[in-house]
Amino acid sequence: GYLWHVDTGCVFNSSDLNDIEYFEIYNYNKLKLFRFSSTLDKYVGYTEFGIKQATAFNNDKDLIADVRARKEYICLNNIKLDYESALTKS
């Protein structure tokens, strides 16, 4: 079969929004096609198909606004919980 897989995550050193990187990595059959990084603030392609997708996604202003908002909505809220529940107690 075929497998389309998206990894998302947050990399952080503190709960300050400026210290958080949000990423999405799009894979197909274990091949990394393209990714979004909030540090770069854009999608980057790794294959011919991925470059086309990244270009189309980068030109979609609504999509870019949405993915930018995910950094705060997903990462910031969860990182605050992580700090309160685990990291400050280790």
Protein backbone atom coordinates (compact mmCIF):
# COMPACT_ATOMS: atom_id res chain seq x y z
CA GLY A 1 0.00 0.00 0.00
CA TYR A 2 0.82 3.66 0.05
CA LEU A 3 1.30 5.81 3.10
CA TRP A 4 0.77 9.59 3.32
CA HIS A 5 2.03 10.79 6.67
CA VAL A 6 2.34 14.24 8.28
CA ASP A 7 4.50 14.89 11.33
CA THR A 8 3.84 18.03 13.34
CA GLY A 9 5.61 19.29 16.38
CA CYS A 10 7.01 22.07 18.48
CA VAL A 11 10.65 22.64 19.40
CA PHE A 12 11.17 24.96 22.35
CA ASN A 13 13.63 26.18 24.96
CA SER A 14 11.14 28.27 26.92
CA SER A 15 7.47 29.18 26.92
CA ASP A 16 8.23 32.45 25.10
CA LEU A 17 6.50 32.40 21.70
CA ASN A 18 9.68 33.72 20.02
CA ASP A 19 11.64 30.67 21.25
CA ILE A 20 9.20 28.16 19.75
CA GLU A 21 9.49 26.53 16.34
CA TYR A 22 6.39 24.89 14.88
CA PHE A 23 6.91 22.44 12.02
CA GLU A 24 4.94 20.19 9.70
CA ILE A 25 6.71 17.52 7.63
CA TYR A 26 4.81 15.86 4.77
CA ASN A 27 5.96 12.36 3.81
CA TYR A 28 4.91 9.81 1.22
CA ASN A 29 6.18 6.23 1.54
CA LYS A 30 8.98 7.36 3.91
CA LEU A 31 10.13 10.06 1.47
CA LYS A 32 10.15 13.62 2.83
CA LEU A 33 8.31 15.72 0.23
CA PHE A 34 8.04 19.16 1.84
CA ARG A 35 7.82 20.90 5.20
CA PHE A 36 6.71 24.06 6.91
CA SER A 37 8.94 25.68 9.50
CA SER A 38 7.85 28.69 11.52
CA THR A 39 11.52 29.68 11.75
CA LEU A 40 11.66 30.00 7.95
CA ASP A 41 8.01 31.11 7.86
CA LYS A 42 7.38 29.17 4.67
CA TYR A 43 7.06 25.74 3.09
CA VAL A 44 10.19 24.19 1.57
CA GLY A 45 10.14 21.34 -0.96
CA TYR A 46 12.60 18.44 -1.13
CA THR A 47 11.39 16.62 -4.25
CA GLU A 48 10.04 17.84 -7.58
CA PHE A 49 6.48 17.26 -6.37
CA GLY A 50 7.32 18.79 -2.96
CA ILE A 51 8.72 21.95 -4.53
CA LYS A 52 5.51 22.40 -6.55
CA GLN A 53 3.38 21.86 -3.44
CA ALA A 54 5.51 24.21 -1.35
CA THR A 55 5.25 26.93 -3.99
CA ALA A 56 1.47 26.55 -4.20
CA PHE A 57 1.10 26.54 -0.41
CA ASN A 58 3.37 29.59 -0.01
CA ASN A 59 1.19 31.49 -2.51
CA ASP A 60 -2.00 30.71 -0.56
CA LYS A 61 -2.22 33.61 1.91
CA ASP A 62 -5.08 32.03 3.88
CA LEU A 63 -3.16 28.79 4.34
CA ILE A 64 -0.03 30.62 5.45
CA ALA A 65 -2.05 32.68 7.96
CA ASP A 66 -3.61 29.47 9.28
CA VAL A 67 -0.31 27.62 9.68
CA ARG A 68 1.23 30.66 11.41
CA ALA A 69 -1.66 30.66 13.88
CA ARG A 70 -1.05 26.99 14.71
CA LYS A 71 2.24 27.89 16.37
CA GLU A 72 0.43 29.86 19.04
CA TYR A 73 -2.70 27.70 19.17
CA ILE A 74 -0.95 24.32 19.36
CA CYS A 75 2.53 24.95 20.68
CA LEU A 76 2.15 27.81 23.11
CA ASN A 77 -0.87 26.36 24.91
CA ASN A 78 0.65 22.88 25.23
CA ILE A 79 4.10 24.11 26.22
CA LYS A 80 2.60 26.11 29.09
CA LEU A 81 0.92 22.90 30.29
CA ASP A 82 4.21 20.98 29.95
CA TYR A 83 6.07 23.58 32.00
CA GLU A 84 3.40 23.60 34.71
CA SER A 85 2.95 19.82 34.96
CA ALA A 86 6.38 18.34 34.35
CA LEU A 87 9.32 20.49 33.47
CA THR A 88 9.28 22.69 36.56
CA LYS A 89 9.14 19.60 38.79
CA SER A 90 12.12 17.70 37.36
